[in-house]
N, C-alpha and C. Protein backbone atom coordinates (compact mmCIF):
# COMPACT_ATOMS: atom_id res chain seq x y z
N MET A 1 102.63 80.34 94.29
CA MET A 1 101.85 81.45 94.61
C MET A 1 100.72 81.70 93.27
N ILE A 2 99.70 82.03 93.74
CA ILE A 2 98.59 82.28 92.94
C ILE A 2 98.25 83.86 92.57
N LEU A 3 98.19 83.92 91.31
CA LEU A 3 97.84 85.36 90.99
C LEU A 3 96.64 85.33 90.02
N LYS A 4 95.65 85.98 90.30
CA LYS A 4 94.45 86.14 89.59
C LYS A 4 93.96 87.64 89.38
N ARG A 5 93.55 87.76 87.84
CA ARG A 5 93.38 89.12 87.74
C ARG A 5 91.77 89.31 87.44
N ILE A 6 91.08 90.29 88.01
CA ILE A 6 89.74 90.51 87.75
C ILE A 6 89.42 91.78 87.13
N LYS A 7 89.05 91.76 85.89
CA LYS A 7 88.52 92.77 85.29
C LYS A 7 87.31 93.51 85.60
N MET A 8 87.07 94.43 86.05
CA MET A 8 85.82 95.18 86.67
C MET A 8 85.50 96.43 85.82
N ASN A 9 84.07 96.57 85.68
CA ASN A 9 83.58 97.78 85.08
C ASN A 9 83.36 98.60 86.33
N VAL A 10 83.92 99.72 86.30
CA VAL A 10 83.43 100.62 87.53
C VAL A 10 82.72 101.96 87.17
N GLY A 11 81.64 101.66 86.49
CA GLY A 11 80.68 102.78 86.17
C GLY A 11 81.33 103.68 84.81
N ASN A 12 80.86 104.76 84.91
CA ASN A 12 81.29 105.71 83.88
C ASN A 12 82.89 105.94 83.72
N VAL A 13 83.65 105.17 84.49
CA VAL A 13 85.22 105.37 84.35
C VAL A 13 85.73 104.39 83.34
N GLY A 14 84.80 103.31 82.96
CA GLY A 14 85.26 102.24 82.33
C GLY A 14 85.76 100.99 83.21
N GLU A 15 86.64 100.21 82.62
CA GLU A 15 87.20 98.92 83.47
C GLU A 15 88.55 99.22 83.90
N THR A 16 88.79 98.60 85.10
CA THR A 16 90.09 98.65 85.54
C THR A 16 90.32 97.23 86.04
N ASN A 17 91.38 96.98 86.66
CA ASN A 17 91.86 95.58 86.96
C ASN A 17 92.33 95.49 88.41
N CYS A 18 91.87 94.50 89.02
CA CYS A 18 92.20 94.08 90.40
C CYS A 18 92.91 92.70 90.36
N TYR A 19 93.83 92.77 91.19
CA TYR A 19 94.56 91.41 91.28
C TYR A 19 94.52 91.04 92.81
N ILE A 20 94.61 89.60 92.68
CA ILE A 20 94.81 88.78 93.77
C ILE A 20 95.86 87.93 93.71
N VAL A 21 96.79 88.20 95.00
CA VAL A 21 97.83 87.37 95.00
C VAL A 21 97.80 86.70 96.42
N GLN A 22 98.26 85.17 96.15
CA GLN A 22 98.16 84.49 97.48
C GLN A 22 98.99 83.32 97.51
N ASP A 23 99.45 83.36 98.40
CA ASP A 23 100.47 82.04 98.96
C ASP A 23 99.48 80.80 99.28
N GLU A 24 100.05 79.87 98.49
CA GLU A 24 99.05 78.71 98.13
C GLU A 24 99.19 77.93 99.43
N LYS A 25 100.16 77.89 100.18
CA LYS A 25 100.37 77.10 101.37
C LYS A 25 99.70 77.52 102.63
N THR A 26 99.67 78.85 102.72
CA THR A 26 99.15 79.65 104.39
C THR A 26 97.89 80.05 103.81
N LYS A 27 97.37 80.44 102.45
CA LYS A 27 96.23 80.91 101.98
C LYS A 27 96.29 82.39 102.33
N GLU A 28 97.49 83.05 102.83
CA GLU A 28 97.42 84.34 102.94
C GLU A 28 97.40 85.27 101.72
N THR A 29 96.57 86.33 101.84
CA THR A 29 96.20 86.87 100.32
C THR A 29 96.27 88.36 100.46
N MET A 30 96.56 88.95 99.30
CA MET A 30 96.72 90.45 99.13
C MET A 30 95.86 90.69 98.12
N VAL A 31 94.92 91.78 98.09
CA VAL A 31 94.07 92.27 97.03
C VAL A 31 94.71 93.60 96.57
N ILE A 32 95.16 93.74 95.34
CA ILE A 32 95.54 94.92 94.73
C ILE A 32 94.63 95.87 93.97
N ASP A 33 94.05 96.83 94.31
CA ASP A 33 93.42 97.89 93.50
C ASP A 33 91.93 97.16 93.60
N PRO A 34 91.15 97.09 94.65
CA PRO A 34 89.86 96.99 94.47
C PRO A 34 89.02 97.94 94.15
N GLY A 35 88.64 98.19 93.08
CA GLY A 35 88.28 99.38 92.33
C GLY A 35 86.80 99.25 92.22
N GLY A 36 86.26 98.27 92.50
CA GLY A 36 84.71 98.06 92.38
C GLY A 36 83.97 96.77 92.36
N ASP A 37 82.83 96.26 92.31
CA ASP A 37 82.27 94.84 92.20
C ASP A 37 82.96 94.10 93.41
N VAL A 38 82.85 94.65 94.50
CA VAL A 38 83.39 93.73 95.64
C VAL A 38 82.87 92.31 95.77
N ASP A 39 81.68 92.58 95.46
CA ASP A 39 80.89 90.78 95.29
C ASP A 39 81.54 90.00 94.47
N LYS A 40 82.20 90.45 93.53
CA LYS A 40 83.16 89.57 92.54
C LYS A 40 84.34 89.20 93.01
N ILE A 41 84.90 90.03 93.63
CA ILE A 41 86.13 89.97 94.37
C ILE A 41 85.90 89.01 95.61
N ILE A 42 84.79 89.07 96.43
CA ILE A 42 84.70 88.10 97.32
C ILE A 42 84.45 86.87 96.88
N GLU A 43 83.79 86.70 95.94
CA GLU A 43 83.36 85.48 95.21
C GLU A 43 84.66 84.51 94.80
N MET A 44 85.81 85.34 94.37
CA MET A 44 86.95 84.92 93.90
C MET A 44 87.68 84.40 95.28
N LEU A 45 87.92 85.35 96.17
CA LEU A 45 88.45 84.93 97.42
C LEU A 45 87.72 83.91 98.28
N ASN A 46 86.58 83.45 98.23
CA ASN A 46 85.80 82.49 98.86
C ASN A 46 86.21 81.04 98.05
N THR A 47 86.61 81.26 96.57
CA THR A 47 86.94 80.07 95.76
C THR A 47 88.26 79.69 96.22
N LEU A 48 89.28 80.87 96.43
CA LEU A 48 90.54 80.33 96.85
C LEU A 48 90.85 79.89 98.53
N HIS A 49 89.57 80.18 99.12
CA HIS A 49 89.56 80.08 100.62
C HIS A 49 90.82 80.82 101.34
N ALA A 50 90.74 82.28 100.74
CA ALA A 50 91.76 83.20 101.02
C ALA A 50 91.40 83.79 102.42
N ASN A 51 92.69 84.02 103.01
CA ASN A 51 92.85 84.74 104.24
C ASN A 51 93.47 86.10 103.77
N VAL A 52 92.68 87.24 103.93
CA VAL A 52 93.09 88.38 103.34
C VAL A 52 93.76 88.99 104.47
N LYS A 53 95.17 89.42 104.23
CA LYS A 53 95.95 89.85 104.79
C LYS A 53 96.29 91.48 104.63
N TYR A 54 96.27 91.72 103.54
CA TYR A 54 96.62 93.10 102.68
C TYR A 54 95.64 93.42 101.72
N ILE A 55 95.26 94.75 101.90
CA ILE A 55 94.69 95.52 100.58
C ILE A 55 95.85 96.51 99.98
N LEU A 56 96.18 96.51 98.99
CA LEU A 56 97.50 97.33 98.48
C LEU A 56 96.71 98.14 97.25
N LEU A 57 97.27 99.32 97.50
CA LEU A 57 96.71 100.09 96.31
C LEU A 57 97.82 100.84 95.76
N THR A 58 97.81 100.86 94.35
CA THR A 58 99.14 101.42 93.66
C THR A 58 98.86 103.05 93.63
N HIS A 59 97.79 103.40 93.48
CA HIS A 59 97.47 104.68 93.60
C HIS A 59 96.02 105.03 93.85
N CYS A 60 95.83 106.42 94.18
CA CYS A 60 94.72 106.79 94.84
C CYS A 60 93.31 107.31 93.88
N HIS A 61 93.37 106.89 92.73
CA HIS A 61 92.32 107.17 91.73
C HIS A 61 91.10 106.39 92.04
N GLY A 62 89.85 106.96 91.89
CA GLY A 62 88.68 106.32 92.24
C GLY A 62 88.42 104.96 91.74
N ASP A 63 88.97 104.42 90.55
CA ASP A 63 88.62 103.36 89.89
C ASP A 63 89.66 102.22 90.53
N HIS A 64 90.52 102.78 91.32
CA HIS A 64 91.32 101.67 92.28
C HIS A 64 91.00 101.53 93.54
N ILE A 65 90.35 102.61 94.08
CA ILE A 65 90.03 102.50 95.61
C ILE A 65 88.51 102.31 95.86
N ALA A 66 87.65 102.29 94.97
CA ALA A 66 86.19 102.40 95.30
C ALA A 66 85.63 101.13 96.08
N GLY A 67 86.17 100.05 96.36
CA GLY A 67 85.93 98.97 96.87
C GLY A 67 86.50 98.92 98.06
N VAL A 68 87.33 99.46 98.48
CA VAL A 68 88.08 99.11 99.76
C VAL A 68 87.57 99.10 100.90
N GLN A 69 86.49 100.12 101.24
CA GLN A 69 85.90 100.07 102.41
C GLN A 69 85.10 98.82 102.65
N GLU A 70 84.34 98.64 101.45
CA GLU A 70 83.36 97.31 101.63
C GLU A 70 84.11 96.28 101.44
N LEU A 71 85.15 95.98 100.74
CA LEU A 71 85.81 94.72 101.04
C LEU A 71 86.30 94.70 102.48
N LYS A 72 86.99 95.72 103.12
CA LYS A 72 87.47 95.53 104.30
C LYS A 72 86.45 95.06 105.43
N GLU A 73 85.22 95.61 105.26
CA GLU A 73 84.23 95.01 106.07
C GLU A 73 83.72 93.74 105.85
N LYS A 74 83.66 93.31 104.69
CA LYS A 74 83.32 92.03 104.38
C LYS A 74 84.22 90.78 104.36
N VAL A 75 85.34 91.04 104.56
CA VAL A 75 86.48 89.97 104.83
C VAL A 75 87.17 90.15 106.35
N ARG A 76 86.44 91.01 107.10
CA ARG A 76 86.80 91.16 108.37
C ARG A 76 86.18 90.04 109.10
N ARG A 77 86.79 89.22 109.71
CA ARG A 77 86.08 88.04 110.26
C ARG A 77 86.42 87.77 111.79
């Protein structure tokens, strides 16, 4: 299993964490709390050759959900 943490600045809210969990064999991947800076998340996913299967939200504050729609659109293949 691969676990990556991406610290993101989400505007006036400050910083939040996004996590990427991946099965190293299948490359199936889960992104947890994509709060913003989707390009940074996509860059890491591309580096990992990720097959995003899930986007998990720990709760619905804006600093944790702001990038969900954009991420969904960009990883949809």
